[in-house]
Amino acid sequence: MNSPDVTQPPCWQRYPARGRRGLCLTISVVAFLTIALVSFTYSSTNGIGAGFVSWLVIEFFTGKAKEINWLMWVVSLAFVLCFGIYPIEVRLGVK
């Protein structure tokens, strides 16, 4: 069994060379949104999708859009379409 390393420094001290001082906060916000939405919607798909989209939005608005992999853009777009299709169907009277 592996035990956690209790001497490991906090994340803001582990990533200073990469210039990602906000990494810890970004991960914390995305993790909170994911856990909260999985709990409140009783759907892991909704929570994980919201985590993907929120991470992409945070990275985009902090100026790191060029570092985001193309697959992350595709998956986030698919989740946005998945989340947005039901309100559009309701508005059009399809459902």
C-alpha atoms as a PDB file:
ATOM      1  CA  MET A   1       0.000   0.000   0.000  1.00  0.00           C
ATOM      2  CA  ASN A   2       1.150   3.485  -0.767  1.00  0.00           C
ATOM      3  CA  SER A   3       0.713   6.132   1.863  1.00  0.00           C
ATOM      4  CA  PRO A   4       0.356   9.799   0.923  1.00  0.00           C
ATOM      5  CA  ASP A   5       3.448  11.941   1.194  1.00  0.00           C
ATOM      6  CA  VAL A   6       2.720  14.360   4.014  1.00  0.00           C
ATOM      7  CA  THR A   7       5.888  16.323   3.314  1.00  0.00           C
ATOM      8  CA  GLN A   8       4.755  17.314  -0.168  1.00  0.00           C
ATOM      9  CA  PRO A   9       4.554  21.115  -0.575  1.00  0.00           C
ATOM     10  CA  PRO A  10       1.292  22.834  -1.496  1.00  0.00           C
ATOM     11  CA  CYS A  11       0.417  23.130  -5.169  1.00  0.00           C
ATOM     12  CA  TRP A  12       1.313  26.829  -5.431  1.00  0.00           C
ATOM     13  CA  GLN A  13       4.879  25.919  -4.460  1.00  0.00           C
ATOM     14  CA  ARG A  14       5.104  22.963  -6.843  1.00  0.00           C
ATOM     15  CA  TYR A  15       4.261  24.862 -10.043  1.00  0.00           C
ATOM     16  CA  PRO A  16       6.002  28.258  -9.866  1.00  0.00           C
ATOM     17  CA  ALA A  17       8.420  27.471 -12.715  1.00  0.00           C
ATOM     18  CA  ARG A  18       5.545  26.925 -15.118  1.00  0.00           C
ATOM     19  CA  GLY A  19       3.959  30.246 -14.272  1.00  0.00           C
ATOM     20  CA  ARG A  20       0.739  28.557 -13.226  1.00  0.00           C
ATOM     21  CA  ARG A  21       0.194  30.182  -9.847  1.00  0.00           C
ATOM     22  CA  GLY A  22      -3.556  30.087 -10.371  1.00  0.00           C
ATOM     23  CA  LEU A  23      -3.515  26.374 -11.114  1.00  0.00           C
ATOM     24  CA  CYS A  24      -4.500  25.427  -7.592  1.00  0.00           C
ATOM     25  CA  LEU A  25      -7.491  27.786  -7.608  1.00  0.00           C
ATOM     26  CA  THR A  26      -8.541  26.659 -11.090  1.00  0.00           C
ATOM     27  CA  ILE A  27      -8.472  23.016 -10.081  1.00  0.00           C
ATOM     28  CA  SER A  28     -10.345  23.797  -6.865  1.00  0.00           C
ATOM     29  CA  VAL A  29     -13.149  25.685  -8.633  1.00  0.00           C
ATOM     30  CA  VAL A  30     -13.572  23.020 -11.306  1.00  0.00           C
ATOM     31  CA  ALA A  31     -13.532  20.217  -8.733  1.00  0.00           C
ATOM     32  CA  PHE A  32     -16.108  22.011  -6.587  1.00  0.00           C
ATOM     33  CA  LEU A  33     -18.436  22.591  -9.542  1.00  0.00           C
ATOM     34  CA  THR A  34     -18.091  18.989 -10.672  1.00  0.00           C
ATOM     35  CA  ILE A  35     -18.775  17.523  -7.228  1.00  0.00           C
ATOM     36  CA  ALA A  36     -21.642  19.927  -6.526  1.00  0.00           C
ATOM     37  CA  LEU A  37     -23.397  19.255  -9.827  1.00  0.00           C
ATOM     38  CA  VAL A  38     -22.966  15.497  -9.582  1.00  0.00           C
ATOM     39  CA  SER A  39     -24.537  15.684  -6.130  1.00  0.00           C
ATOM     40  CA  PHE A  40     -27.360  18.080  -6.960  1.00  0.00           C
ATOM     41  CA  THR A  41     -28.382  16.674 -10.343  1.00  0.00           C
ATOM     42  CA  TYR A  42     -27.869  12.981  -9.460  1.00  0.00           C
ATOM     43  CA  SER A  43     -26.083  12.659 -12.789  1.00  0.00           C
ATOM     44  CA  SER A  44     -22.374  12.068 -13.157  1.00  0.00           C
ATOM     45  CA  THR A  45     -22.639  13.041 -16.824  1.00  0.00           C
ATOM     46  CA  ASN A  46     -23.931  16.511 -15.968  1.00  0.00           C
ATOM     47  CA  GLY A  47     -21.287  17.046 -13.300  1.00  0.00           C
ATOM     48  CA  ILE A  48     -18.365  15.880 -15.389  1.00  0.00           C
ATOM     49  CA  GLY A  49     -19.640  17.837 -18.385  1.00  0.00           C
ATOM     50  CA  ALA A  50     -19.912  20.984 -16.301  1.00  0.00           C
ATOM     51  CA  GLY A  51     -16.376  20.358 -15.051  1.00  0.00           C
ATOM     52  CA  PHE A  52     -15.077  20.091 -18.610  1.00  0.00           C
ATOM     53  CA  VAL A  53     -16.887  23.236 -19.730  1.00  0.00           C
ATOM     54  CA  SER A  54     -15.976  25.263 -16.641  1.00  0.00           C
ATOM     55  CA  TRP A  55     -12.288  24.324 -16.941  1.00  0.00           C
ATOM     56  CA  LEU A  56     -12.292  25.347 -20.595  1.00  0.00           C
ATOM     57  CA  VAL A  57     -14.014  28.667 -19.836  1.00  0.00           C
ATOM     58  CA  ILE A  58     -11.607  29.457 -16.977  1.00  0.00           C
ATOM     59  CA  GLU A  59      -8.567  28.619 -19.094  1.00  0.00           C
ATOM     60  CA  PHE A  60      -9.931  30.626 -22.030  1.00  0.00           C
ATOM     61  CA  PHE A  61     -10.622  33.767 -20.009  1.00  0.00           C
ATOM     62  CA  THR A  62      -7.256  33.607 -18.233  1.00  0.00           C
ATOM     63  CA  GLY A  63      -5.498  33.807 -21.607  1.00  0.00           C
ATOM     64  CA  LYS A  64      -4.403  30.195 -21.943  1.00  0.00           C
ATOM     65  CA  ALA A  65      -6.567  29.294 -24.942  1.00  0.00           C
ATOM     66  CA  LYS A  66      -3.587  28.244 -27.073  1.00  0.00           C
ATOM     67  CA  GLU A  67      -2.546  25.663 -24.485  1.00  0.00           C
ATOM     68  CA  ILE A  68      -5.896  23.850 -24.613  1.00  0.00           C
ATOM     69  CA  ASN A  69      -5.866  20.621 -26.612  1.00  0.00           C
ATOM     70  CA  TRP A  70      -8.227  20.431 -29.593  1.00  0.00           C
ATOM     71  CA  LEU A  71      -9.955  17.377 -28.135  1.00  0.00           C
ATOM     72  CA  MET A  72     -10.897  19.355 -25.019  1.00  0.00           C
ATOM     73  CA  TRP A  73     -12.558  21.946 -27.277  1.00  0.00           C
ATOM     74  CA  VAL A  74     -14.523  19.195 -29.074  1.00  0.00           C
ATOM     75  CA  VAL A  75     -15.641  17.452 -25.884  1.00  0.00           C
ATOM     76  CA  SER A  76     -16.642  20.757 -24.236  1.00  0.00           C
ATOM     77  CA  LEU A  77     -18.597  21.782 -27.326  1.00  0.00           C
ATOM     78  CA  ALA A  78     -20.392  18.425 -27.268  1.00  0.00           C
ATOM     79  CA  PHE A  79     -21.336  18.967 -23.620  1.00  0.00           C
ATOM     80  CA  VAL A  80     -22.543  22.513 -24.329  1.00  0.00           C
ATOM     81  CA  LEU A  81     -24.734  21.156 -27.135  1.00  0.00           C
ATOM     82  CA  CYS A  82     -25.967  18.387 -24.841  1.00  0.00           C
ATOM     83  CA  PHE A  83     -26.859  20.899 -22.120  1.00  0.00           C
ATOM     84  CA  GLY A  84     -28.448  23.331 -24.559  1.00  0.00           C
ATOM     85  CA  ILE A  85     -30.572  20.997 -26.660  1.00  0.00           C
ATOM     86  CA  TYR A  86     -33.351  20.503 -24.096  1.00  0.00           C
ATOM     87  CA  PRO A  87     -34.110  24.234 -23.556  1.00  0.00           C
ATOM     88  CA  ILE A  88     -34.153  24.725 -27.317  1.00  0.00           C
ATOM     89  CA  GLU A  89     -36.564  21.826 -27.795  1.00  0.00           C
ATOM     90  CA  VAL A  90     -38.827  23.167 -25.058  1.00  0.00           C
ATOM     91  CA  ARG A  91     -38.759  26.654 -26.587  1.00  0.00           C
ATOM     92  CA  LEU A  92     -39.677  25.267 -30.015  1.00  0.00           C
ATOM     93  CA  GLY A  93     -42.442  23.117 -28.564  1.00  0.00           C
ATOM     94  CA  VAL A  94     -40.888  19.811 -29.582  1.00  0.00           C
ATOM     95  CA  LYS A  95     -40.953  18.508 -25.997  1.00  0.00           C
END
